[in-house]
Protein backbone atom coordinates (compact mmCIF):
# COMPACT_ATOMS: atom_id res chain seq x y z
CA MET A 1 101.00 -171.04 -262.54
CA ASN A 2 104.44 -172.68 -262.54
CA TYR A 3 105.75 -175.10 -259.97
CA SER A 4 107.63 -172.43 -257.98
CA ASP A 5 104.51 -170.24 -257.76
CA SER A 6 102.50 -173.23 -256.65
CA LEU A 7 104.99 -173.95 -253.83
CA SER A 8 104.96 -170.30 -252.77
CA ARG A 9 101.19 -170.25 -252.66
CA LYS A 10 101.14 -173.47 -250.63
CA ALA A 11 103.68 -172.07 -248.14
CA ALA A 12 101.68 -168.89 -247.78
CA ARG A 13 98.46 -170.85 -247.13
CA GLU A 14 100.21 -173.07 -244.60
CA ASN A 15 101.57 -170.01 -242.74
CA GLN A 16 98.08 -168.51 -242.83
CA VAL A 17 96.77 -171.63 -241.06
CA LEU A 18 99.62 -171.63 -238.56
CA ASP A 19 99.10 -167.98 -237.70
CA ALA A 20 95.36 -168.59 -237.22
CA ALA A 21 95.97 -171.73 -235.15
CA SER A 22 98.43 -169.89 -232.96
CA LEU A 23 95.78 -167.29 -232.13
CA CYS A 24 93.22 -169.97 -231.35
CA PHE A 25 95.65 -171.97 -229.22
CA VAL A 26 96.55 -168.93 -227.16
CA GLU A 27 92.90 -167.97 -226.72
CA LYS A 28 91.38 -171.38 -225.98
CA GLY A 29 94.26 -173.77 -225.48
CA PHE A 30 95.36 -176.57 -227.77
CA HIS A 31 92.52 -178.93 -226.81
CA GLY A 32 89.93 -176.16 -226.57
CA ALA A 33 90.44 -174.86 -230.10
CA GLY A 34 88.71 -176.85 -232.83
CA MET A 35 89.58 -177.15 -236.49
CA ALA A 36 86.41 -175.27 -237.38
CA GLU A 37 87.54 -172.32 -235.26
CA ILE A 38 91.00 -172.40 -236.81
CA ALA A 39 89.42 -172.45 -240.26
CA GLN A 40 87.22 -169.48 -239.43
CA GLN A 41 90.17 -167.52 -238.06
CA ALA A 42 92.15 -168.33 -241.25
CA ASN A 43 89.20 -167.38 -243.49
CA MET A 44 89.17 -170.87 -244.97
CA SER A 45 86.75 -173.74 -245.01
CA THR A 46 87.44 -176.59 -242.59
CA GLY A 47 87.95 -178.92 -245.55
CA HIS A 48 90.55 -176.56 -246.96
CA ILE A 49 92.48 -176.73 -243.66
CA TYR A 50 92.69 -180.51 -243.97
CA HIS A 51 94.24 -180.06 -247.43
CA TYR A 52 97.33 -178.72 -245.68
CA PHE A 53 97.28 -180.42 -242.25
CA LYS A 54 95.70 -183.74 -241.38
CA ASN A 55 94.93 -182.79 -237.72
CA LYS A 56 95.72 -180.37 -234.90
CA GLN A 57 98.84 -182.28 -233.93
CA ALA A 58 100.26 -181.73 -237.43
CA ILE A 59 99.57 -178.01 -236.98
CA ILE A 60 101.34 -177.77 -233.62
CA LEU A 61 104.28 -179.74 -234.97
CA ALA A 62 104.49 -177.31 -237.92
CA ILE A 63 104.41 -174.34 -235.52
CA VAL A 64 107.35 -175.78 -233.58
CA GLN A 65 109.21 -176.45 -236.85
CA ARG A 66 108.62 -172.91 -238.07
CA GLU A 67 109.87 -171.43 -234.80
CA GLY A 68 113.00 -173.57 -235.06
CA ASP A 69 113.62 -172.65 -238.69
CA GLU A 70 113.33 -168.95 -237.89
CA ALA A 71 115.73 -169.30 -234.96
CA VAL A 72 118.35 -171.15 -237.06
CA GLN A 73 118.07 -168.54 -239.80
CA ARG A 74 118.70 -165.73 -237.29
CA ILE A 75 121.74 -167.54 -235.94
CA ARG A 76 123.18 -168.14 -239.39
CA GLU A 77 123.03 -164.40 -240.04
CA LEU A 78 125.82 -164.07 -237.49
CA GLU A 79 128.31 -165.99 -239.64
CA SER A 80 129.22 -162.92 -241.70
CA ILE A 81 130.31 -160.91 -238.65
CA PRO A 82 134.10 -160.62 -238.21
CA ALA A 83 135.56 -162.36 -235.14
CA GLU A 84 137.06 -159.13 -233.78
CA SER A 85 133.67 -157.51 -233.41
CA PHE A 86 131.62 -160.67 -232.80
CA ARG A 87 131.08 -160.48 -229.10
CA GLU A 88 129.41 -157.10 -229.15
CA ALA A 89 127.41 -157.93 -232.27
CA PHE A 90 126.25 -161.25 -230.80
CA PHE A 91 125.10 -159.52 -227.62
CA GLU A 92 123.14 -156.90 -229.58
CA HIS A 93 121.68 -159.53 -231.96
CA THR A 94 120.57 -161.71 -229.03
CA VAL A 95 118.97 -158.91 -227.06
CA ASP A 96 117.17 -157.65 -230.15
CA ALA A 97 115.87 -161.17 -230.84
CA ILE A 98 114.63 -161.54 -227.27
CA LYS A 99 112.80 -158.22 -227.28
CA HIS A 100 111.33 -158.89 -230.72
CA LYS A 101 109.92 -162.29 -229.65
CA LEU A 102 109.03 -161.43 -226.05
CA SER A 103 105.32 -160.72 -225.81
CA ALA A 104 102.32 -161.94 -223.88
CA PHE A 105 101.07 -163.72 -227.00
CA GLN A 106 104.37 -165.45 -227.83
CA THR A 107 104.92 -166.42 -224.21
CA SER A 108 101.43 -167.92 -223.96
CA LEU A 109 101.93 -169.82 -227.20
CA ASN A 110 105.32 -171.18 -226.05
CA PHE A 111 103.84 -172.46 -222.78
CA GLU A 112 100.86 -174.02 -224.54
CA ILE A 113 103.24 -175.94 -226.81
CA MET A 114 105.44 -176.95 -223.86
CA ALA A 115 102.38 -178.13 -221.94
CA GLU A 116 101.29 -180.28 -224.91
CA GLY A 117 104.80 -181.65 -225.03
CA THR A 118 104.34 -183.07 -221.54
CA ARG A 119 101.27 -184.96 -222.73
CA ASN A 120 102.18 -185.87 -226.30
CA PRO A 121 105.43 -187.74 -227.03
CA ASP A 122 105.41 -186.65 -230.70
CA VAL A 123 105.33 -183.00 -229.73
CA ALA A 124 108.02 -183.66 -227.07
CA GLN A 125 110.22 -185.31 -229.67
CA GLN A 126 109.77 -182.43 -232.10
CA MET A 127 110.70 -179.90 -229.40
CA HIS A 128 113.76 -181.91 -228.44
CA GLU A 129 114.91 -182.20 -232.08
CA ILE A 130 114.47 -178.42 -232.65
CA ASP A 131 116.32 -177.64 -229.43
CA GLU A 132 119.27 -179.85 -230.50
CA ARG A 133 119.28 -178.28 -233.98
CA ILE A 134 119.40 -174.76 -232.54
CA ARG A 135 122.12 -175.83 -230.07
CA LYS A 136 124.16 -177.40 -232.86
CA THR A 137 123.86 -174.33 -235.05
CA LEU A 138 124.87 -171.99 -232.21
CA CYS A 139 127.96 -174.13 -231.54
CA GLU A 140 128.92 -174.13 -235.20
CA VAL A 141 128.65 -170.36 -235.46
CA LEU A 142 130.13 -169.37 -232.12
CA GLU A 143 133.12 -171.76 -231.94
CA PRO A 144 135.23 -170.26 -234.77
CA LYS A 145 134.34 -166.73 -233.68
CA LEU A 146 135.04 -167.05 -229.97
CA ASN A 147 137.59 -169.87 -229.89
CA ILE A 148 136.21 -171.22 -226.63
CA ARG A 149 137.07 -174.77 -225.61
CA ASN A 150 133.85 -175.50 -223.70
CA ILE A 151 131.57 -174.02 -226.37
CA GLN A 152 128.85 -176.66 -225.88
CA GLU A 153 128.51 -175.85 -222.17
CA VAL A 154 128.49 -172.09 -222.96
CA VAL A 155 125.71 -172.56 -225.49
CA ASP A 156 123.71 -174.69 -223.07
CA CYS A 157 123.97 -171.92 -220.45
CA ILE A 158 122.86 -169.22 -222.92
CA MET A 159 119.88 -171.26 -224.11
CA THR A 160 118.83 -172.00 -220.55
CA VAL A 161 118.98 -168.31 -219.59
CA LEU A 162 116.86 -167.40 -222.67
CA ILE A 163 114.17 -169.90 -221.70
CA GLY A 164 114.29 -168.56 -218.13
CA ILE A 165 113.65 -165.02 -219.39
CA THR A 166 110.46 -166.29 -221.05
CA ALA A 167 109.29 -167.91 -217.83
CA ARG A 168 109.95 -164.74 -215.79
CA PHE A 169 108.13 -162.63 -218.43
CA ALA A 170 105.05 -164.81 -217.98
CA ARG A 171 105.07 -164.05 -214.22
CA ASN A 172 106.27 -160.45 -214.17
CA PRO A 173 106.66 -158.88 -217.67
CA ASP A 174 107.87 -155.46 -216.52
CA ARG A 175 110.62 -156.78 -214.29
CA ALA A 176 111.75 -159.31 -216.91
CA GLU A 177 112.01 -156.66 -219.62
CA ALA A 178 113.82 -154.26 -217.30
CA VAL A 179 116.84 -156.58 -216.76
CA ILE A 180 117.25 -158.20 -220.20
CA ASP A 181 120.22 -156.05 -221.25
CA LEU A 182 122.01 -156.36 -217.92
CA LEU A 183 121.32 -160.05 -217.60
CA MET A 184 122.59 -160.94 -221.06
CA LEU A 185 125.57 -158.59 -220.82
CA ARG A 186 126.70 -160.12 -217.49
CA THR A 187 125.87 -163.70 -218.54
CA MET A 188 127.64 -163.54 -221.88
CA GLY A 189 130.59 -161.63 -220.43
CA PHE A 190 131.13 -164.25 -217.76
CA LEU A 191 130.63 -167.23 -220.08
CA PHE A 192 132.87 -165.88 -222.81
CA ASP A 193 135.59 -164.92 -220.36
CA HIS A 194 135.46 -168.23 -218.50
CA GLY A 195 134.54 -170.57 -221.37
CA ASP A 196 137.87 -172.36 -221.12
CA ASP A 197 137.57 -173.03 -217.40
CA GLU A 198 137.19 -176.62 -216.24
CA VAL A 199 133.56 -177.64 -215.62
């Protein structure tokens, strides 16, 4: 096995642990799920889990990091879209991403991580850093496409609306899903049309 294969195998094993841990965290909560249960869900020995992650906090930090990496990758995919068709493409891309990620499982996992962030400063710091990274990437991609002066404020508004959709889904999934297209169409339309207004 060469070095590249070894890295690929390590990444696959780590993702296997993160997927298993996510299931356990949603089912029993971060503090209710033990490493032995995560190991069983991942079809590994407990000792094998510790080969990849030193404790549960390392696992939850890695879950947050993975979510952030995936979000940044999706945003970077937008860079190849021509400016003249960007608004429509960005709307469709965003709505598709919301619907793809919006589920009872993902919502529960998100809230479990946010709850841990209120108790654990390391998790809170990781969440903040990922949020800033996503915000920075969105600004870098959107600014040359939309040519909006207040792009940072526009991005902040979009990100806040997206988080709000998740919160509404947790309370009333059917109603949240029913208005995603309309909400994002109206929100983006207003923000893009008024992005140069004084704030």
